[in-house]
Amino acid sequence: MKLAFAQPLMLFSILAVAAAELQARLGQLGNGSVETTYTEKDLASRTAPDFVGYKLRAIKLANQKMANIEEAVSTSTIYSLMCLLSIEV
Protein backbone atom coordinates (compact mmCIF):
# COMPACT_ATOMS: atom_id res chain seq x y z
CA MET A 1 0.00 0.00 0.00
CA LYS A 2 2.91 2.37 0.60
CA LEU A 3 3.86 2.09 -3.04
CA ALA A 4 0.27 2.69 -4.13
CA PHE A 5 0.21 6.05 -2.39
CA ALA A 6 3.62 6.98 -3.76
CA GLN A 7 2.81 6.02 -7.37
CA PRO A 8 -0.46 7.37 -8.85
CA LEU A 9 -0.34 4.75 -11.63
CA MET A 10 -0.38 1.96 -9.08
CA LEU A 11 -3.07 3.64 -7.00
CA PHE A 12 -5.46 4.03 -9.94
CA SER A 13 -4.72 0.49 -11.13
CA ILE A 14 -5.55 -0.98 -7.72
CA LEU A 15 -8.68 1.14 -7.44
CA ALA A 16 -9.80 0.00 -10.90
CA VAL A 17 -9.33 -3.67 -10.01
CA ALA A 18 -11.13 -3.26 -6.68
CA ALA A 19 -14.07 -1.41 -8.22
CA ALA A 20 -14.38 -3.91 -11.09
CA GLU A 21 -14.24 -6.83 -8.67
CA LEU A 22 -16.96 -5.31 -6.48
CA GLN A 23 -19.21 -4.65 -9.45
CA ALA A 24 -18.64 -8.18 -10.73
CA ARG A 25 -19.60 -9.63 -7.33
CA LEU A 26 -22.76 -7.53 -7.36
CA GLY A 27 -23.61 -8.80 -10.85
CA GLN A 28 -23.33 -5.36 -12.39
CA LEU A 29 -20.83 -6.27 -15.12
CA GLY A 30 -21.70 -7.93 -18.37
CA ASN A 31 -19.58 -10.27 -20.43
CA GLY A 32 -16.65 -7.87 -20.41
CA SER A 33 -16.74 -6.71 -24.01
CA VAL A 34 -19.17 -3.88 -23.26
CA GLU A 35 -17.01 -2.50 -20.47
CA THR A 36 -14.06 -1.96 -22.80
CA THR A 37 -15.95 0.30 -25.23
CA TYR A 38 -16.75 3.19 -22.89
CA THR A 39 -15.38 6.64 -23.74
CA GLU A 40 -14.58 9.66 -21.61
CA LYS A 41 -17.93 11.11 -22.73
CA ASP A 42 -19.70 8.10 -21.17
CA LEU A 43 -17.67 8.63 -18.05
CA ALA A 44 -18.67 12.30 -17.83
CA SER A 45 -22.35 11.43 -18.19
CA ARG A 46 -21.99 8.73 -15.48
CA THR A 47 -23.21 5.93 -17.77
CA ALA A 48 -19.94 4.03 -17.40
CA PRO A 49 -19.22 1.67 -14.48
CA ASP A 50 -17.18 3.16 -11.63
CA PHE A 51 -14.00 1.27 -12.46
CA VAL A 52 -13.74 2.80 -15.95
CA GLY A 53 -12.67 6.20 -14.60
CA TYR A 54 -9.86 4.68 -12.58
CA LYS A 55 -8.86 2.52 -15.52
CA LEU A 56 -8.69 5.49 -17.92
CA ARG A 57 -6.53 7.47 -15.48
CA ALA A 58 -4.23 4.50 -15.01
CA ILE A 59 -3.88 3.96 -18.75
CA LYS A 60 -2.98 7.62 -19.30
CA LEU A 61 -0.32 7.42 -16.59
CA ALA A 62 0.96 4.10 -17.94
CA ASN A 63 1.40 5.61 -21.39
CA GLN A 64 3.50 8.40 -19.86
CA LYS A 65 5.63 5.88 -17.94
CA MET A 66 6.19 3.75 -21.05
CA ALA A 67 7.86 6.71 -22.77
CA ASN A 68 10.82 6.41 -20.39
CA ILE A 69 12.61 3.03 -20.44
CA GLU A 70 13.66 3.28 -16.78
CA GLU A 71 10.10 3.91 -15.63
CA ALA A 72 8.68 1.35 -18.06
CA VAL A 73 10.58 -1.51 -16.43
CA SER A 74 10.03 -0.42 -12.83
CA THR A 75 8.28 -2.80 -10.47
CA SER A 76 5.38 -0.43 -9.89
CA THR A 77 4.72 -0.01 -13.62
CA ILE A 78 4.81 -3.74 -14.29
CA TYR A 79 2.55 -4.47 -11.32
CA SER A 80 0.12 -1.76 -12.42
CA LEU A 81 -0.08 -3.18 -15.93
CA MET A 82 -0.72 -6.63 -14.49
CA CYS A 83 -3.60 -5.17 -12.45
CA LEU A 84 -5.09 -3.58 -15.55
CA LEU A 85 -4.67 -6.84 -17.44
CA SER A 86 -6.54 -8.71 -14.71
CA ILE A 87 -9.60 -6.55 -15.39
CA GLU A 88 -9.54 -7.64 -19.01
CA VAL A 89 -9.13 -11.30 -18.10
PDB file of N, CA and C in Angstrom:
ATOM      1  N   MET A   1       0.810  -1.197   0.000  1.00  0.00           N
ATOM      2  CA  MET A   1       0.000   0.000   0.000  1.00  0.00           C
ATOM      3  C   MET A   1       0.857   1.265   0.000  1.00  0.00           C
ATOM      4  N   LYS A   2       2.037   1.198   0.614  1.00  0.00           N
ATOM      5  CA  LYS A   2       2.915   2.373   0.602  1.00  0.00           C
ATOM      6  C   LYS A   2       3.214   2.791  -0.830  1.00  0.00           C
ATOM      7  N   LEU A   3       3.519   1.809  -1.647  1.00  0.00           N
ATOM      8  CA  LEU A   3       3.859   2.092  -3.037  1.00  0.00           C
ATOM      9  C   LEU A   3       2.662   2.662  -3.793  1.00  0.00           C
ATOM     10  N   ALA A   4       1.475   2.198  -3.458  1.00  0.00           N
ATOM     11  CA  ALA A   4       0.271   2.687  -4.131  1.00  0.00           C
ATOM     12  C   ALA A   4       0.069   4.177  -3.883  1.00  0.00           C
ATOM     13  N   PHE A   5       0.367   4.630  -2.683  1.00  0.00           N
ATOM     14  CA  PHE A   5       0.210   6.048  -2.388  1.00  0.00           C
ATOM     15  C   PHE A   5       1.355   6.888  -2.938  1.00  0.00           C
ATOM     16  N   ALA A   6       2.479   6.264  -3.198  1.00  0.00           N
ATOM     17  CA  ALA A   6       3.620   6.981  -3.763  1.00  0.00           C
ATOM     18  C   ALA A   6       3.554   7.051  -5.287  1.00  0.00           C
ATOM     19  N   GLN A   7       2.879   6.103  -5.908  1.00  0.00           N
ATOM     20  CA  GLN A   7       2.807   6.022  -7.370  1.00  0.00           C
ATOM     21  C   GLN A   7       1.350   6.120  -7.824  1.00  0.00           C
ATOM     22  N   PRO A   8       0.931   7.233  -8.406  1.00  0.00           N
ATOM     23  CA  PRO A   8      -0.455   7.371  -8.848  1.00  0.00           C
ATOM     24  C   PRO A   8      -0.895   6.269  -9.824  1.00  0.00           C
ATOM     25  N   LEU A   9       0.006   5.823 -10.691  1.00  0.00           N
ATOM     26  CA  LEU A   9      -0.343   4.750 -11.628  1.00  0.00           C
ATOM     27  C   LEU A   9      -0.776   3.503 -10.868  1.00  0.00           C
ATOM     28  N   MET A  10      -0.030   3.138  -9.854  1.00  0.00           N
ATOM     29  CA  MET A  10      -0.379   1.957  -9.084  1.00  0.00           C
ATOM     30  C   MET A  10      -1.677   2.167  -8.308  1.00  0.00           C
ATOM     31  N   LEU A  11      -1.863   3.343  -7.756  1.00  0.00           N
ATOM     32  CA  LEU A  11      -3.069   3.642  -6.999  1.00  0.00           C
ATOM     33  C   LEU A  11      -4.307   3.483  -7.882  1.00  0.00           C
ATOM     34  N   PHE A  12      -4.300   4.109  -9.058  1.00  0.00           N
ATOM     35  CA  PHE A  12      -5.464   4.028  -9.937  1.00  0.00           C
ATOM     36  C   PHE A  12      -5.676   2.617 -10.474  1.00  0.00           C
ATOM     37  N   SER A  13      -4.599   1.882 -10.678  1.00  0.00           N
ATOM     38  CA  SER A  13      -4.721   0.492 -11.126  1.00  0.00           C
ATOM     39  C   SER A  13      -5.393  -0.376 -10.062  1.00  0.00           C
ATOM     40  N   ILE A  14      -4.962  -0.210  -8.824  1.00  0.00           N
ATOM     41  CA  ILE A  14      -5.545  -0.980  -7.723  1.00  0.00           C
ATOM     42  C   ILE A  14      -7.004  -0.585  -7.506  1.00  0.00           C
ATOM     43  N   LEU A  15      -7.295   0.700  -7.588  1.00  0.00           N
ATOM     44  CA  LEU A  15      -8.683   1.144  -7.443  1.00  0.00           C
ATOM     45  C   LEU A  15      -9.557   0.595  -8.562  1.00  0.00           C
ATOM     46  N   ALA A  16      -9.039   0.543  -9.778  1.00  0.00           N
ATOM     47  CA  ALA A  16      -9.802   0.002 -10.898  1.00  0.00           C
ATOM     48  C   ALA A  16     -10.113  -1.474 -10.692  1.00  0.00           C
ATOM     49  N   VAL A  17      -9.121  -2.236 -10.257  1.00  0.00           N
ATOM     50  CA  VAL A  17      -9.328  -3.666 -10.012  1.00  0.00           C
ATOM     51  C   VAL A  17     -10.343  -3.868  -8.892  1.00  0.00           C
ATOM     52  N   ALA A  18     -10.211  -3.111  -7.814  1.00  0.00           N
ATOM     53  CA  ALA A  18     -11.126  -3.262  -6.679  1.00  0.00           C
ATOM     54  C   ALA A  18     -12.560  -2.906  -7.067  1.00  0.00           C
ATOM     55  N   ALA A  19     -12.729  -1.818  -7.812  1.00  0.00           N
ATOM     56  CA  ALA A  19     -14.072  -1.408  -8.221  1.00  0.00           C
ATOM     57  C   ALA A  19     -14.680  -2.409  -9.200  1.00  0.00           C
ATOM     58  N   ALA A  20     -13.880  -2.917 -10.134  1.00  0.00           N
ATOM     59  CA  ALA A  20     -14.385  -3.909 -11.093  1.00  0.00           C
ATOM     60  C   ALA A  20     -14.767  -5.202 -10.377  1.00  0.00           C
ATOM     61  N   GLU A  21     -13.953  -5.607  -9.414  1.00  0.00           N
ATOM     62  CA  GLU A  21     -14.244  -6.833  -8.668  1.00  0.00           C
ATOM     63  C   GLU A  21     -15.538  -6.687  -7.876  1.00  0.00           C
ATOM     64  N   LEU A  22     -15.732  -5.541  -7.241  1.00  0.00           N
ATOM     65  CA  LEU A  22     -16.956  -5.307  -6.479  1.00  0.00           C
ATOM     66  C   LEU A  22     -18.177  -5.335  -7.394  1.00  0.00           C
ATOM     67  N   GLN A  23     -18.079  -4.667  -8.534  1.00  0.00           N
ATOM     68  CA  GLN A  23     -19.208  -4.648  -9.453  1.00  0.00           C
ATOM     69  C   GLN A  23     -19.485  -6.036 -10.030  1.00  0.00           C
ATOM     70  N   ALA A  24     -18.444  -6.821 -10.242  1.00  0.00           N
ATOM     71  CA  ALA A  24     -18.642  -8.182 -10.728  1.00  0.00           C
ATOM     72  C   ALA A  24     -19.352  -9.024  -9.673  1.00  0.00           C
ATOM     73  N   ARG A  25     -18.947  -8.885  -8.412  1.00  0.00           N
ATOM     74  CA  ARG A  25     -19.599  -9.633  -7.327  1.00  0.00           C
ATOM     75  C   ARG A  25     -21.066  -9.255  -7.176  1.00  0.00           C
ATOM     76  N   LEU A  26     -21.386  -7.993  -7.460  1.00  0.00           N
ATOM     77  CA  LEU A  26     -22.763  -7.533  -7.359  1.00  0.00           C
ATOM     78  C   LEU A  26     -23.577  -7.845  -8.614  1.00  0.00           C
ATOM     79  N   GLY A  27     -22.925  -8.452  -9.606  1.00  0.00           N
ATOM     80  CA  GLY A  27     -23.610  -8.801 -10.848  1.00  0.00           C
ATOM     81  C   GLY A  27     -23.886  -7.619 -11.750  1.00  0.00           C
ATOM     82  N   GLN A  28     -23.106  -6.572 -11.612  1.00  0.00           N
ATOM     83  CA  GLN A  28     -23.326  -5.358 -12.395  1.00  0.00           C
ATOM     84  C   GLN A  28     -22.460  -5.269 -13.645  1.00  0.00           C
ATOM     85  N   LEU A  29     -21.648  -6.273 -13.906  1.00  0.00           N
ATOM     86  CA  LEU A  29     -20.826  -6.272 -15.115  1.00  0.00           C
ATOM     87  C   LEU A  29     -21.362  -7.317 -16.073  1.00  0.00           C
ATOM     88  N   GLY A  30     -21.239  -6.997 -17.353  1.00  0.00           N
ATOM     89  CA  GLY A  30     -21.704  -7.934 -18.371  1.00  0.00           C
ATOM     90  C   GLY A  30     -20.626  -8.941 -18.715  1.00  0.00           C
ATOM     91  N   ASN A  31     -20.549  -9.260 -19.991  1.00  0.00           N
ATOM     92  CA  ASN A  31     -19.582 -10.272 -20.429  1.00  0.00           C
ATOM     93  C   ASN A  31     -18.183  -9.716 -20.605  1.00  0.00           C
ATOM     94  N   GLY A  32     -17.978  -8.456 -20.334  1.00  0.00           N
ATOM     95  CA  GLY A  32     -16.650  -7.869 -20.410  1.00  0.00           C
ATOM     96  C   GLY A  32     -16.411  -7.044 -21.662  1.00  0.00           C
ATOM     97  N   SER A  33     -16.996  -7.443 -22.781  1.00  0.00           N
ATOM     98  CA  SER A  33     -16.735  -6.707 -24.014  1.00  0.00           C
ATOM     99  C   SER A  33     -17.362  -5.321 -23.979  1.00  0.00           C
ATOM    100  N   VAL A  34     -18.506  -5.174 -23.335  1.00  0.00           N
ATOM    101  CA  VAL A  34     -19.169  -3.875 -23.262  1.00  0.00           C
ATOM    102  C   VAL A  34     -18.350  -2.899 -22.431  1.00  0.00           C
ATOM    103  N   GLU A  35     -17.749  -3.379 -21.353  1.00  0.00           N
ATOM    104  CA  GLU A  35     -17.013  -2.497 -20.467  1.00  0.00           C
ATOM    105  C   GLU A  35     -15.768  -1.896 -21.112  1.00  0.00           C
ATOM    106  N   THR A  36     -15.269  -2.475 -22.172  1.00  0.00           N
ATOM    107  CA  THR A  36     -14.061  -1.960 -22.801  1.00  0.00           C
ATOM    108  C   THR A  36     -14.349  -0.927 -23.886  1.00  0.00           C
ATOM    109  N   THR A  37     -15.611  -0.639 -24.157  1.00  0.00           N
ATOM    110  CA  THR A  37     -15.947   0.297 -25.230  1.00  0.00           C
ATOM    111  C   THR A  37     -16.384   1.662 -24.720  1.00  0.00           C
ATOM    112  N   TYR A  38     -16.340   1.897 -23.421  1.00  0.00           N
ATOM    113  CA  TYR A  38     -16.749   3.191 -22.886  1.00  0.00           C
ATOM    114  C   TYR A  38     -15.738   4.268 -23.245  1.00  0.00           C
ATOM    115  N   THR A  39     -16.235   5.486 -23.425  1.00  0.00           N
ATOM    116  CA  THR A  39     -15.384   6.635 -23.741  1.00  0.00           C
ATOM    117  C   THR A  39     -15.402   7.605 -22.566  1.00  0.00           C
ATOM    118  N   GLU A  40     -14.594   8.637 -22.662  1.00  0.00           N
ATOM    119  CA  GLU A  40     -14.585   9.657 -21.608  1.00  0.00           C
ATOM    120  C   GLU A  40     -15.913  10.400 -21.563  1.00  0.00           C
ATOM    121  N   LYS A  41     -16.611  10.483 -22.702  1.00  0.00           N
ATOM    122  CA  LYS A  41     -17.934  11.110 -22.734  1.00  0.00           C
ATOM    123  C   LYS A  41     -18.917  10.299 -21.888  1.00  0.00           C
ATOM    124  N   ASP A  42     -18.855   8.961 -21.997  1.00  0.00           N
ATOM    125  CA  ASP A  42     -19.704   8.101 -21.173  1.00  0.00           C
ATOM    126  C   ASP A  42     -19.371   8.272 -19.699  1.00  0.00           C
ATOM    127  N   LEU A  43     -18.115   8.447 -19.428  1.00  0.00           N
ATOM    128  CA  LEU A  43     -17.669   8.628 -18.050  1.00  0.00           C
ATOM    129  C   LEU A  43     -18.214   9.938 -17.483  1.00  0.00           C
ATOM    130  N   ALA A  44     -18.180  10.992 -18.274  1.00  0.00           N
ATOM    131  CA  ALA A  44     -18.671  12.295 -17.831  1.00  0.00           C
ATOM    132  C   ALA A  44     -20.174  12.273 -17.583  1.00  0.00           C
ATOM    133  N   SER A  45     -20.898  11.497 -18.360  1.00  0.00           N
ATOM    134  CA  SER A  45     -22.350  11.428 -18.190  1.00  0.00           C
ATOM    135  C   SER A  45     -22.765  10.375 -17.162  1.00  0.00           C
ATOM    136  N   ARG A  46     -21.779   9.722 -16.529  1.00  0.00           N
ATOM    137  CA  ARG A  46     -21.988   8.728 -15.478  1.00  0.00           C
ATOM    138  C   ARG A  46     -22.731   7.488 -15.969  1.00  0.00           C
ATOM    139  N   THR A  47     -22.607   7.156 -17.268  1.00  0.00           N
ATOM    140  CA  THR A  47     -23.211   5.928 -17.770  1.00  0.00           C
ATOM    141  C   THR A  47     -22.222   4.769 -17.763  1.00  0.00           C
ATOM    142  N   ALA A  48     -20.973   5.064 -17.455  1.00  0.00           N
ATOM    143  CA  ALA A  48     -19.944   4.027 -17.404  1.00  0.00           C
ATOM    144  C   ALA A  48     -19.837   3.486 -15.977  1.00  0.00           C
ATOM    145  N   PRO A  49     -19.441   2.210 -15.827  1.00  0.00           N
ATOM    146  CA  PRO A  49     -19.220   1.668 -14.477  1.00  0.00           C
ATOM    147  C   PRO A  49     -18.119   2.445 -13.756  1.00  0.00           C
ATOM    148  N   ASP A  50     -18.129   2.387 -12.436  1.00  0.00           N
ATOM    149  CA  ASP A  50     -17.178   3.165 -11.630  1.00  0.00           C
ATOM    150  C   ASP A  50     -15.722   2.868 -11.962  1.00  0.00           C
ATOM    151  N   PHE A  51     -15.400   1.620 -12.265  1.00  0.00           N
ATOM    152  CA  PHE A  51     -13.998   1.272 -12.465  1.00  0.00           C
ATOM    153  C   PHE A  51     -13.411   1.888 -13.724  1.00  0.00           C
ATOM    154  N   VAL A  52     -14.235   2.286 -14.672  1.00  0.00           N
ATOM    155  CA  VAL A  52     -13.743   2.803 -15.950  1.00  0.00           C
ATOM    156  C   VAL A  52     -12.951   4.103 -15.752  1.00  0.00           C
ATOM    157  N   GLY A  53     -13.396   4.957 -14.859  1.00  0.00           N
ATOM    158  CA  GLY A  53     -12.665   6.203 -14.599  1.00  0.00           C
ATOM    159  C   GLY A  53     -11.273   5.955 -14.063  1.00  0.00           C
ATOM    160  N   TYR A  54     -11.174   5.028 -13.117  1.00  0.00           N
ATOM    161  CA  TYR A  54      -9.856   4.679 -12.583  1.00  0.00           C
ATOM    162  C   TYR A  54      -8.984   4.050 -13.664  1.00  0.00           C
ATOM    163  N   LYS A  55      -9.599   3.211 -14.467  1.00  0.00           N
ATOM    164  CA  LYS A  55      -8.858   2.523 -15.523  1.00  0.00           C
ATOM    165  C   LYS A  55      -8.321   3.528 -16.552  1.00  0.00           C
ATOM    166  N   LEU A  56      -9.143   4.483 -16.955  1.00  0.00           N
ATOM    167  CA  LEU A  56      -8.689   5.493 -17.921  1.00  0.00           C
ATOM    168  C   LEU A  56      -7.536   6.320 -17.364  1.00  0.00           C
ATOM    169  N   ARG A  57      -7.625   6.705 -16.098  1.00  0.00           N
ATOM    170  CA  ARG A  57      -6.529   7.472 -15.483  1.00  0.00           C
ATOM    171  C   ARG A  57      -5.252   6.641 -15.438  1.00  0.00           C
ATOM    172  N   ALA A  58      -5.398   5.376 -15.078  1.00  0.00           N
ATOM    173  CA  ALA A  58      -4.229   4.496 -15.007  1.00  0.00           C
ATOM    174  C   ALA A  58      -3.601   4.312 -16.379  1.00  0.00           C
ATOM    175  N   ILE A  59      -4.409   4.154 -17.401  1.00  0.00           N
ATOM    176  CA  ILE A  59      -3.876   3.960 -18.752  1.00  0.00           C
ATOM    177  C   ILE A  59      -3.136   5.208 -19.225  1.00  0.00           C
ATOM    178  N   LYS A  60      -3.677   6.382 -18.927  1.00  0.00           N
ATOM    179  CA  LYS A  60      -2.978   7.620 -19.301  1.00  0.00           C
ATOM    180  C   LYS A  60      -1.622   7.709 -18.610  1.00  0.00           C
ATOM    181  N   LEU A  61      -1.589   7.391 -17.325  1.00  0.00           N
ATOM    182  CA  LEU A  61      -0.322   7.422 -16.589  1.00  0.00           C
ATOM    183  C   LEU A  61       0.640   6.343 -17.084  1.00  0.00           C
ATOM    184  N   ALA A  62       0.112   5.180 -17.434  1.00  0.00           N
ATOM    185  CA  ALA A  62       0.958   4.095 -17.944  1.00  0.00           C
ATOM    186  C   ALA A  62       1.599   4.499 -19.269  1.00  0.00           C
ATOM    187  N   ASN A  63       0.843   5.153 -20.117  1.00  0.00           N
ATOM    188  CA  ASN A  63       1.403   5.611 -21.393  1.00  0.00           C
ATOM    189  C   ASN A  63       2.550   6.593 -21.175  1.00  0.00           C
ATOM    190  N   GLN A  64       2.421   7.456 -20.175  1.00  0.00           N
ATOM    191  CA  GLN A  64       3.498   8.396 -19.860  1.00  0.00           C
ATOM    192  C   GLN A  64       4.727   7.647 -19.343  1.00  0.00           C
ATOM    193  N   LYS A  65       4.513   6.659 -18.492  1.00  0.00           N
ATOM    194  CA  LYS A  65       5.631   5.879 -17.945  1.00  0.00           C
ATOM    195  C   LYS A  65       6.344   5.089 -19.037  1.00  0.00           C
ATOM    196  N   MET A  66       5.598   4.590 -20.001  1.00  0.00           N
ATOM    197  CA  MET A  66       6.190   3.755 -21.055  1.00  0.00           C
ATOM    198  C   MET A  66       7.102   4.559 -21.978  1.00  0.00           C
ATOM    199  N   ALA A  67       7.001   5.869 -21.944  1.00  0.00           N
ATOM    200  CA  ALA A  67       7.865   6.706 -22.774  1.00  0.00           C
ATOM    201  C   ALA A  67       9.301   6.728 -22.267  1.00  0.00           C
ATOM    202  N   ASN A  68       9.495   6.412 -21.004  1.00  0.00           N
ATOM    203  CA  ASN A  68      10.820   6.407 -20.393  1.00  0.00           C
ATOM    204  C   ASN A  68      11.177   4.963 -20.053  1.00  0.00           C
ATOM    205  N   ILE A  69      12.246   4.437 -20.602  1.00  0.00           N
ATOM    206  CA  ILE A  69      12.611   3.029 -20.436  1.00  0.00           C
ATOM    207  C   ILE A  69      12.840   2.668 -18.971  1.00  0.00           C
ATOM    208  N   GLU A  70      13.414   3.579 -18.189  1.00  0.00           N
ATOM    209  CA  GLU A  70      13.662   3.281 -16.780  1.00  0.00           C
ATOM    210  C   GLU A  70      12.355   3.146 -15.996  1.00  0.00           C
ATOM    211  N   GLU A  71      11.395   3.986 -16.308  1.00  0.00           N
ATOM    212  CA  GLU A  71      10.105   3.908 -15.630  1.00  0.00           C
ATOM    213  C   GLU A  71       9.266   2.754 -16.175  1.00  0.00           C
ATOM    214  N   ALA A  72       9.453   2.419 -17.437  1.00  0.00           N
ATOM    215  CA  ALA A  72       8.675   1.348 -18.056  1.00  0.00           C
ATOM    216  C   ALA A  72       8.976  -0.014 -17.442  1.00  0.00           C
ATOM    217  N   VAL A  73      10.195  -0.211 -16.994  1.00  0.00           N
ATOM    218  CA  VAL A  73      10.575  -1.511 -16.431  1.00  0.00           C
ATOM    219  C   VAL A  73      10.584  -1.511 -14.901  1.00  0.00           C
ATOM    220  N   SER A  74      10.070  -0.456 -14.299  1.00  0.00           N
ATOM    221  CA  SER A  74      10.035  -0.421 -12.833  1.00  0.00           C
ATOM    222  C   SER A  74       8.987  -1.400 -12.308  1.00  0.00           C
ATOM    223  N   THR A  75       9.191  -1.835 -11.098  1.00  0.00           N
ATOM    224  CA  THR A  75       8.283  -2.801 -10.474  1.00  0.00           C
ATOM    225  C   THR A  75       6.864  -2.260 -10.392  1.00  0.00           C
ATOM    226  N   SER A  76       6.718  -1.003 -10.033  1.00  0.00           N
ATOM    227  CA  SER A  76       5.379  -0.434  -9.894  1.00  0.00           C
ATOM    228  C   SER A  76       4.644  -0.369 -11.229  1.00  0.00           C
ATOM    229  N   THR A  77       5.352  -0.057 -12.304  1.00  0.00           N
ATOM    230  CA  THR A  77       4.717  -0.007 -13.622  1.00  0.00           C
ATOM    231  C   THR A  77       4.286  -1.402 -14.062  1.00  0.00           C
ATOM    232  N   ILE A  78       5.141  -2.369 -13.891  1.00  0.00           N
ATOM    233  CA  ILE A  78       4.808  -3.739 -14.290  1.00  0.00           C
ATOM    234  C   ILE A  78       3.634  -4.263 -13.478  1.00  0.00           C
ATOM    235  N   TYR A  79       3.649  -4.031 -12.175  1.00  0.00           N
ATOM    236  CA  TYR A  79       2.550  -4.472 -11.323  1.00  0.00           C
ATOM    237  C   TYR A  79       1.247  -3.792 -11.722  1.00  0.00           C
ATOM    238  N   SER A  80       1.314  -2.503 -12.017  1.00  0.00           N
ATOM    239  CA  SER A  80       0.119  -1.765 -12.419  1.00  0.00           C
ATOM    240  C   SER A  80      -0.459  -2.314 -13.714  1.00  0.00           C
ATOM    241  N   LEU A  81       0.394  -2.615 -14.663  1.00  0.00           N
ATOM    242  CA  LEU A  81      -0.082  -3.178 -15.933  1.00  0.00           C
ATOM    243  C   LEU A  81      -0.685  -4.566 -15.726  1.00  0.00           C
ATOM    244  N   MET A  82      -0.142  -5.322 -14.793  1.00  0.00           N
ATOM    245  CA  MET A  82      -0.724  -6.632 -14.486  1.00  0.00           C
ATOM    246  C   MET A  82      -2.108  -6.468 -13.862  1.00  0.00           C
ATOM    247  N   CYS A  83      -2.282  -5.449 -13.028  1.00  0.00           N
ATOM    248  CA  CYS A  83      -3.598  -5.172 -12.453  1.00  0.00           C
ATOM    249  C   CYS A  83      -4.605  -4.823 -13.542  1.00  0.00           C
ATOM    250  N   LEU A  84      -4.198  -3.964 -14.451  1.00  0.00           N
ATOM    251  CA  LEU A  84      -5.090  -3.584 -15.550  1.00  0.00           C
ATOM    252  C   LEU A  84      -5.415  -4.788 -16.427  1.00  0.00           C
ATOM    253  N   LEU A  85      -4.444  -5.638 -16.653  1.00  0.00           N
ATOM    254  CA  LEU A  85      -4.673  -6.840 -17.436  1.00  0.00           C
ATOM    255  C   LEU A  85      -5.676  -7.762 -16.747  1.00  0.00           C
ATOM    256  N   SER A  86      -5.626  -7.825 -15.423  1.00  0.00           N
ATOM    257  CA  SER A  86      -6.543  -8.709 -14.713  1.00  0.00           C
ATOM    258  C   SER A  86      -7.995  -8.287 -14.896  1.00  0.00           C
ATOM    259  N   ILE A  87      -8.235  -7.008 -15.110  1.00  0.00           N
ATOM    260  CA  ILE A  87      -9.599  -6.552 -15.390  1.00  0.00           C
ATOM    261  C   ILE A  87     -10.066  -7.123 -16.725  1.00  0.00           C
ATOM    262  N   GLU A  88      -9.188  -7.131 -17.694  1.00  0.00           N
ATOM    263  CA  GLU A  88      -9.542  -7.635 -19.009  1.00  0.00           C
ATOM    264  C   GLU A  88      -9.755  -9.147 -19.010  1.00  0.00           C
ATOM    265  N   VAL A  89      -8.984  -9.848 -18.184  1.00  0.00           N
ATOM    266  CA  VAL A  89      -9.127 -11.299 -18.095  1.00  0.00           C
ATOM    267  C   VAL A  89     -10.437 -11.625 -17.427  1.00  0.00           C
TER     268      VAL A  89
END
